[in-house]
Amino acid sequence: MAGNGRAGRLVAGGLALAAVGWALRDVPAALGGSAAGERLERMRRSPRFRDGAFHNAVPSASVPRGSLFKILTEMVLDRDGRRPPGRVPVVREPLVPPSTDGVSALWYGHATTLVEIEGRRVLFDPVWSERCSPTPIGGPRRLHPMPAPLVGLPALDAVVISHDHYDHLDLATVRALTTLQQAPFLVPLGIGAHLERWGVPRERIVELDWEEETRVAGLRFVATAARHFSGRTLRRDTTLWGSWVVAGERHRVFYAGDSGYFDGYAGIGAEHGPFDLTLMPVGAYSPSWPDIHMTPEEAVRAHLDLGGELLLPVHWASFTLAFHPWAEPVDRLWREAKAGDVRLAVPRPGERIDVGDAPAPDGWWELLGG
């Protein structure tokens, strides 16, 4: 009997190890690729690149300020209010149709947003995985389901990536889009190495430095500055990060990616604005890392610097990545927008808004608790 018990435990342990191994099988690939050859030479020619890494235009600290032990302890133990108090409402079938000659935006959650501009479709920072992590068994977990499956996406004209962090660049999603879509991937310098390792054909990868541009499907795409950092391993800043300008014949959209506030927004606005729509990150801020993520008030300030007409907040609601309460980003943003007379749209995940006729915020996030 004892022998049977030991044998059973051995079998169970073997099955558990096999399950863990299966779950971790894609981790090496998820860490990404390394630039070499012409790609690496082009990176080295960038004004942003020196001493083997990319740098922000203004001095910025990506390492948290203060005690790292204290920060990690708070992240693990102090979780009050950092999750939604109820089920986040998800829109499965948007009521607003896509704009055919103007601008509309469908926010799927976090930073993932489909922008329809003059009849073309641009998908920003697509992440459909349950976790933003190199492994499906660890890392920040999604706080609401994705509103629509990847197979339900319409034909895209471009997929745009801001930087290579896991909550913006996802292995499984990139592989699926490579199979399901024909659109090119527009990325900052160096990220093409990740995509090639994941099976994206080289001819579908367009890598740009800041202030370089390309045309796709009649739209002008310009890679512009951001104040952030990059890295999928402990080694940082080996690929570039950035924001994006998307310009049609009559309309313009700005996507900030991840960024701390800096005075470069005024220059981007003067050079490429004004913008019908700005997609601005408003969450995951902290006094421990003030240089690399904006507060909601700074997002409004950047929106005004850019000459934005309508502000749509992203980078909140879907993953817990900082200490602030779940709804605090949009509460603070709404107050600041009212004080500055700034047009603001706060859609539910999966809800499409028409930029020319976007409804005012209705406070839907305030109703989750009851």
Protein backbone atom coordinates (compact mmCIF):
# COMPACT_ATOMS: atom_id res chain seq x y z
CA MET A 1 0.00 0.00 0.00
CA ALA A 2 2.78 2.40 0.92
CA GLY A 3 4.53 1.61 -2.35
CA ASN A 4 1.35 2.35 -4.27
CA GLY A 5 1.05 5.68 -2.48
CA ARG A 6 4.60 6.65 -3.35
CA ALA A 7 4.07 5.60 -6.95
CA GLY A 8 0.93 7.70 -7.13
CA ARG A 9 2.73 10.71 -5.75
CA LEU A 10 5.54 10.23 -8.24
CA VAL A 11 3.07 10.06 -11.11
CA ALA A 12 1.23 13.14 -9.86
CA GLY A 13 4.52 14.99 -9.45
CA GLY A 14 5.61 14.02 -12.93
CA LEU A 15 2.33 15.20 -14.41
CA ALA A 16 2.62 18.49 -12.52
CA LEU A 17 6.15 19.03 -13.80
CA ALA A 18 5.02 18.21 -17.32
CA ALA A 19 2.17 20.71 -17.03
CA VAL A 20 4.53 23.42 -15.81
CA GLY A 21 6.97 22.62 -18.61
CA TRP A 22 4.16 22.87 -21.16
CA ALA A 23 3.05 26.21 -19.73
CA LEU A 24 6.60 27.56 -19.85
CA ARG A 25 7.47 26.26 -23.31
CA ASP A 26 7.16 29.68 -24.99
CA VAL A 27 9.06 31.67 -22.36
CA PRO A 28 12.40 31.74 -24.26
CA ALA A 29 10.65 33.00 -27.40
CA ALA A 30 8.58 35.53 -25.43
CA LEU A 31 11.76 37.18 -24.19
CA GLY A 32 12.28 38.30 -27.79
CA GLY A 33 15.13 38.46 -30.26
CA SER A 34 18.40 40.36 -30.42
CA ALA A 35 19.25 42.82 -33.17
CA ALA A 36 22.11 41.92 -35.49
CA GLY A 37 23.50 42.85 -38.90
CA GLU A 38 21.96 45.83 -40.69
CA ARG A 39 19.28 46.22 -38.04
CA LEU A 40 21.92 46.67 -35.34
CA GLU A 41 23.96 49.03 -37.51
CA ARG A 42 20.90 51.18 -38.11
CA MET A 43 20.21 51.30 -34.38
CA ARG A 44 23.78 52.42 -33.72
CA ARG A 45 23.35 55.30 -36.17
CA SER A 46 20.39 56.67 -34.20
CA PRO A 47 21.00 59.92 -32.27
CA ARG A 48 19.18 58.20 -29.40
CA PHE A 49 21.66 55.30 -29.19
CA ARG A 50 24.95 55.39 -27.30
CA ASP A 51 26.92 53.06 -25.05
CA GLY A 52 24.88 50.10 -26.24
CA ALA A 53 21.45 51.47 -25.30
CA PHE A 54 18.77 53.98 -26.26
CA HIS A 55 18.25 57.13 -24.19
CA ASN A 56 15.46 59.61 -23.59
CA ALA A 57 15.74 63.15 -24.90
CA VAL A 58 15.65 64.43 -21.30
CA PRO A 59 17.26 62.69 -18.29
CA SER A 60 14.89 60.06 -16.92
CA ALA A 61 15.13 57.42 -14.23
CA SER A 62 13.46 54.10 -15.04
CA VAL A 63 14.57 52.52 -11.76
CA PRO A 64 11.99 53.09 -8.97
CA ARG A 65 12.94 55.74 -6.46
CA GLY A 66 13.02 54.69 -2.81
CA SER A 67 13.40 51.29 -1.24
CA LEU A 68 12.86 48.52 -3.77
CA PHE A 69 11.93 46.13 -0.93
CA LYS A 70 9.27 48.56 0.32
CA ILE A 71 7.86 48.99 -3.18
CA LEU A 72 7.66 45.24 -3.81
CA THR A 73 6.09 44.67 -0.38
CA GLU A 74 3.40 47.25 -1.08
CA MET A 75 2.75 45.77 -4.51
CA VAL A 76 2.15 42.32 -3.02
CA LEU A 77 0.41 43.15 0.28
CA ASP A 78 -1.32 46.52 -0.08
CA ARG A 79 -4.03 45.67 -2.60
CA ASP A 80 -7.00 47.62 -1.23
CA GLY A 81 -8.94 49.28 -4.02
CA ARG A 82 -6.57 48.20 -6.78
CA ARG A 83 -9.17 45.92 -8.36
CA PRO A 84 -12.57 46.98 -9.69
CA PRO A 85 -15.30 46.71 -7.02
CA GLY A 86 -17.57 44.84 -9.42
CA ARG A 87 -17.69 43.36 -12.89
CA VAL A 88 -16.34 45.75 -15.53
CA PRO A 89 -19.01 46.24 -18.22
CA VAL A 90 -17.77 45.01 -21.59
CA VAL A 91 -19.44 45.96 -24.88
CA ARG A 92 -19.59 42.96 -27.20
CA GLU A 93 -21.32 44.67 -30.11
CA PRO A 94 -20.65 48.42 -30.40
CA LEU A 95 -23.69 50.52 -31.25
CA VAL A 96 -21.67 53.25 -32.96
CA PRO A 97 -20.61 52.23 -36.49
CA PRO A 98 -17.07 52.84 -37.78
CA SER A 99 -16.48 56.27 -39.26
CA THR A 100 -16.01 56.11 -43.02
CA ASP A 101 -14.49 59.55 -43.58
CA GLY A 102 -13.77 60.87 -40.07
CA VAL A 103 -12.21 59.31 -36.96
CA SER A 104 -13.60 56.68 -34.62
CA ALA A 105 -11.93 54.66 -31.90
CA LEU A 106 -12.75 51.32 -30.31
CA TRP A 107 -10.96 50.81 -27.01
CA TYR A 108 -10.52 47.13 -26.11
CA GLY A 109 -8.88 47.79 -22.74
CA HIS A 110 -5.49 48.91 -21.41
CA ALA A 111 -3.66 50.39 -24.41
CA THR A 112 -5.20 48.20 -27.13
CA THR A 113 -7.22 50.49 -29.40
CA LEU A 114 -8.56 50.22 -32.93
CA VAL A 115 -8.63 53.62 -34.63
CA GLU A 116 -10.58 54.08 -37.85
CA ILE A 117 -9.37 57.15 -39.71
CA GLU A 118 -10.78 58.11 -43.09
CA GLY A 119 -11.83 54.54 -43.76
CA ARG A 120 -8.52 52.90 -42.76
CA ARG A 121 -8.03 50.74 -39.68
CA VAL A 122 -5.02 51.04 -37.36
CA LEU A 123 -4.61 48.78 -34.33
CA PHE A 124 -2.40 50.10 -31.52
CA ASP A 125 -0.49 47.88 -29.06
CA PRO A 126 -2.65 44.75 -29.36
CA VAL A 127 -2.60 42.45 -26.32
CA TRP A 128 -5.22 39.68 -26.21
CA SER A 129 -3.50 37.37 -23.72
CA GLU A 130 -4.88 36.76 -20.24
CA ARG A 131 -1.65 37.98 -18.63
CA CYS A 132 0.92 40.60 -19.65
CA SER A 133 3.86 38.35 -18.94
CA PRO A 134 6.28 35.98 -20.66
CA THR A 135 4.42 33.08 -19.02
CA PRO A 136 0.70 32.24 -18.77
CA ILE A 137 1.05 31.14 -15.13
CA GLY A 138 2.41 34.36 -13.64
CA GLY A 139 2.31 38.13 -14.01
CA PRO A 140 -0.51 40.71 -13.96
CA ARG A 141 -3.82 39.11 -14.90
CA ARG A 142 -6.58 40.75 -16.92
CA LEU A 143 -9.33 42.37 -14.84
CA HIS A 144 -12.00 42.04 -17.51
CA PRO A 145 -12.39 39.82 -20.58
CA MET A 146 -11.46 41.09 -24.01
CA PRO A 147 -14.62 42.38 -25.69
CA ALA A 148 -14.01 40.54 -28.97
CA PRO A 149 -11.88 37.66 -30.22
CA LEU A 150 -8.93 38.29 -32.51
CA VAL A 151 -10.63 36.31 -35.26
CA GLY A 152 -13.47 38.83 -35.19
CA LEU A 153 -11.28 41.80 -36.14
CA PRO A 154 -11.94 43.41 -39.52
CA ALA A 155 -9.14 43.63 -42.07
CA LEU A 156 -6.46 45.95 -40.67
CA ASP A 157 -4.31 48.41 -42.60
CA ALA A 158 -1.57 48.67 -39.96
CA VAL A 159 -0.56 47.33 -36.56
CA VAL A 160 1.38 49.91 -34.55
CA ILE A 161 3.57 49.13 -31.53
CA SER A 162 4.86 51.76 -29.09
CA HIS A 163 7.50 49.70 -27.24
CA ASP A 164 8.37 46.17 -26.20
CA HIS A 165 6.98 45.86 -22.66
CA TYR A 166 4.70 42.87 -22.15
CA ASP A 167 1.53 44.93 -21.67
CA HIS A 168 2.09 46.47 -25.14
CA LEU A 169 3.79 43.74 -27.16
CA ASP A 170 2.45 40.20 -26.76
CA LEU A 171 3.89 37.07 -28.37
CA ALA A 172 0.62 35.15 -28.76
CA THR A 173 -1.23 38.14 -30.17
CA VAL A 174 1.51 38.94 -32.69
CA ARG A 175 1.60 35.33 -33.87
CA ALA A 176 -2.18 35.32 -34.32
CA LEU A 177 -2.22 38.63 -36.19
CA THR A 178 0.56 37.38 -38.45
CA THR A 179 -1.69 34.50 -39.51
CA LEU A 180 -5.07 36.24 -39.48
CA GLN A 181 -4.11 39.57 -41.04
CA GLN A 182 -1.97 40.92 -43.87
CA ALA A 183 -1.22 44.33 -42.34
CA PRO A 184 2.36 45.49 -41.72
CA PHE A 185 3.73 46.03 -38.21
CA LEU A 186 5.07 49.55 -37.60
CA VAL A 187 7.54 49.57 -34.70
CA PRO A 188 10.37 51.63 -33.17
CA LEU A 189 13.97 50.63 -33.91
CA GLY A 190 15.06 47.19 -32.75
CA ILE A 191 11.61 45.68 -32.14
CA GLY A 192 11.74 44.01 -35.52
CA ALA A 193 14.13 41.45 -33.98
CA HIS A 194 11.35 40.32 -31.62
CA LEU A 195 8.83 40.09 -34.45
CA GLU A 196 11.11 38.13 -36.74
CA ARG A 197 11.79 35.59 -33.98
CA TRP A 198 8.01 35.20 -33.64
CA GLY A 199 7.50 34.49 -37.33
CA VAL A 200 6.52 37.87 -38.78
CA PRO A 201 7.87 38.08 -42.36
CA ARG A 202 10.57 40.73 -42.75
CA GLU A 203 8.59 42.47 -45.51
CA ARG A 204 5.77 43.11 -43.03
CA ILE A 205 8.03 44.93 -40.53
CA VAL A 206 8.65 48.68 -40.72
CA GLU A 207 11.10 50.02 -38.11
CA LEU A 208 11.42 53.76 -37.55
CA ASP A 209 13.50 56.12 -35.45
CA TRP A 210 11.94 59.24 -33.95
CA GLU A 211 10.84 61.70 -36.64
CA GLU A 212 11.12 59.10 -39.38
CA GLU A 213 7.95 58.40 -41.31
CA THR A 214 6.33 56.05 -43.77
CA ARG A 215 3.09 55.83 -45.72
CA VAL A 216 0.75 52.86 -45.46
CA ALA A 217 -2.69 52.61 -47.08
CA GLY A 218 -2.73 56.33 -47.80
CA LEU A 219 -1.94 57.29 -44.18
CA ARG A 220 1.24 58.98 -42.98
CA PHE A 221 2.82 57.39 -39.91
CA VAL A 222 5.48 59.30 -37.96
CA ALA A 223 7.39 57.81 -35.05
CA THR A 224 7.71 60.51 -32.41
CA ALA A 225 9.34 60.85 -29.00
CA ALA A 226 8.23 59.48 -25.66
CA ARG A 227 9.83 59.50 -22.21
CA HIS A 228 10.01 55.87 -21.20
CA PHE A 229 12.25 52.79 -21.45
CA SER A 230 12.22 49.29 -22.91
CA GLY A 231 13.15 45.72 -22.10
CA ARG A 232 11.70 42.22 -21.88
CA THR A 233 14.53 40.89 -19.68
CA LEU A 234 16.74 42.40 -16.99
CA ARG A 235 18.66 44.16 -19.76
CA ARG A 236 16.99 47.46 -20.58
CA ASP A 237 16.79 49.96 -23.45
CA THR A 238 18.14 47.76 -26.24
CA THR A 239 15.09 48.68 -28.35
CA LEU A 240 13.55 52.10 -28.87
CA TRP A 241 10.22 53.28 -27.45
CA GLY A 242 8.04 56.02 -28.86
CA SER A 243 4.73 57.67 -29.64
CA TRP A 244 2.98 57.82 -33.02
CA VAL A 245 1.34 60.34 -35.32
CA VAL A 246 -1.19 58.97 -37.81
CA ALA A 247 -2.30 61.52 -40.41
CA GLY A 248 -4.82 61.22 -43.20
CA GLU A 249 -5.78 63.87 -45.70
CA ARG A 250 -8.01 65.76 -43.26
CA HIS A 251 -7.64 64.12 -39.84
CA ARG A 252 -4.84 63.35 -37.39
CA VAL A 253 -4.51 61.03 -34.42
CA PHE A 254 -1.77 60.92 -31.76
CA TYR A 255 -0.97 57.85 -29.66
CA ALA A 256 1.37 58.54 -26.73
CA GLY A 257 2.28 54.93 -25.92
CA ASP A 258 3.81 54.91 -22.43
CA SER A 259 5.50 58.11 -21.33
CA GLY A 260 6.24 60.48 -18.54
CA TYR A 261 5.45 64.12 -19.17
CA PHE A 262 8.11 66.15 -20.99
CA ASP A 263 8.25 69.39 -22.94
CA GLY A 264 8.58 67.53 -26.24
CA TYR A 265 4.79 67.31 -26.56
CA ALA A 266 4.60 70.97 -27.49
CA GLY A 267 7.11 70.39 -30.28
CA ILE A 268 5.19 67.36 -31.57
CA GLY A 269 2.01 69.41 -31.58
CA ALA A 270 3.64 72.29 -33.44
CA GLU A 271 5.23 69.97 -36.02
CA HIS A 272 2.45 67.45 -36.59
CA GLY A 273 -0.76 68.71 -34.93
CA PRO A 274 -3.39 69.69 -34.21
CA PHE A 275 -5.01 66.31 -33.53
CA ASP A 276 -8.64 65.27 -33.73
CA LEU A 277 -7.93 62.58 -31.14
CA THR A 278 -5.19 61.88 -28.61
CA LEU A 279 -4.84 58.49 -26.92
CA MET A 280 -3.15 59.32 -23.62
CA PRO A 281 -1.93 56.94 -20.88
CA VAL A 282 -3.41 57.85 -17.51
CA GLY A 283 -2.68 54.85 -15.26
CA ALA A 284 0.20 53.02 -13.56
CA TYR A 285 1.73 56.26 -12.25
CA SER A 286 3.57 56.53 -8.95
CA PRO A 287 5.86 58.94 -7.09
CA SER A 288 8.36 56.08 -7.24
CA TRP A 289 8.65 56.39 -11.05
CA PRO A 290 7.56 59.93 -11.99
CA ASP A 291 9.73 60.16 -15.12
CA ILE A 292 8.21 57.30 -17.11
CA HIS A 293 4.43 57.43 -16.53
CA MET A 294 2.20 60.49 -16.55
CA THR A 295 -0.35 61.35 -13.91
CA PRO A 296 -3.88 62.09 -15.20
CA GLU A 297 -3.25 65.81 -14.75
CA GLU A 298 -0.08 65.58 -16.81
CA ALA A 299 -1.98 63.69 -19.50
CA VAL A 300 -4.37 66.62 -19.84
CA ARG A 301 -1.43 69.01 -19.98
CA ALA A 302 0.23 66.94 -22.72
CA HIS A 303 -3.06 66.77 -24.64
CA LEU A 304 -3.25 70.57 -24.61
CA ASP A 305 0.42 70.86 -25.61
CA LEU A 306 -0.33 68.63 -28.60
CA GLY A 307 -3.31 70.69 -29.74
CA GLY A 308 -5.69 67.80 -29.13
CA GLU A 309 -9.43 68.11 -29.62
CA LEU A 310 -10.75 64.94 -27.91
CA LEU A 311 -8.83 63.00 -25.25
CA LEU A 312 -9.39 59.26 -24.85
CA PRO A 313 -7.62 57.74 -21.82
CA VAL A 314 -5.78 54.43 -22.18
CA HIS A 315 -3.44 52.38 -20.00
CA TRP A 316 -5.94 51.87 -17.19
CA ALA A 317 -8.72 49.46 -16.10
CA SER A 318 -7.34 46.17 -17.45
CA PHE A 319 -4.22 45.26 -15.44
CA THR A 320 -2.97 46.21 -11.98
CA LEU A 321 0.46 47.73 -12.59
CA ALA A 322 0.78 50.32 -9.79
CA PHE A 323 -0.40 51.18 -6.27
CA HIS A 324 -3.22 53.61 -6.99
CA PRO A 325 -6.89 52.57 -6.69
CA TRP A 326 -8.44 51.09 -9.81
CA ALA A 327 -10.71 54.02 -10.72
CA GLU A 328 -8.46 56.84 -9.50
CA PRO A 329 -6.95 57.59 -12.94
CA VAL A 330 -10.29 58.44 -14.57
CA ASP A 331 -11.65 60.19 -11.49
CA ARG A 332 -8.65 62.53 -11.48
CA LEU A 333 -8.73 62.85 -15.26
CA TRP A 334 -12.41 63.80 -15.31
CA ARG A 335 -11.87 66.52 -12.70
CA GLU A 336 -8.88 67.93 -14.56
CA ALA A 337 -10.67 67.85 -17.92
CA LYS A 338 -13.64 69.74 -16.45
CA ALA A 339 -11.33 72.33 -14.91
CA GLY A 340 -9.54 72.84 -18.22
CA ASP A 341 -12.65 72.65 -20.44
CA VAL A 342 -11.14 69.66 -22.28
CA ARG A 343 -13.34 67.31 -24.32
CA LEU A 344 -13.08 63.85 -22.82
CA ALA A 345 -14.42 60.42 -23.77
CA VAL A 346 -14.26 57.46 -21.37
CA PRO A 347 -15.70 54.45 -23.22
CA ARG A 348 -16.32 51.03 -21.73
CA PRO A 349 -14.05 48.27 -23.02
CA GLY A 350 -15.32 47.34 -26.47
CA GLU A 351 -17.27 50.58 -26.94
CA ARG A 352 -16.65 52.59 -30.11
CA ILE A 353 -16.82 56.37 -30.08
CA ASP A 354 -17.10 58.73 -33.04
CA VAL A 355 -14.65 61.53 -32.41
CA GLY A 356 -16.90 64.11 -34.05
CA ASP A 357 -19.86 63.17 -31.85
CA ALA A 358 -18.43 61.53 -28.75
CA PRO A 359 -20.71 61.50 -25.69
CA ALA A 360 -19.55 63.11 -22.47
CA PRO A 361 -18.39 60.69 -19.75
CA ASP A 362 -21.27 59.08 -17.83
CA GLY A 363 -19.28 57.82 -14.85
CA TRP A 364 -19.91 54.14 -15.60
CA TRP A 365 -16.89 53.10 -13.51
CA GLU A 366 -18.49 54.66 -10.41
CA LEU A 367 -21.45 52.25 -10.55
CA LEU A 368 -19.57 48.94 -10.31
CA GLY A 369 -19.90 48.62 -6.56
CA GLY A 370 -23.65 48.57 -6.42
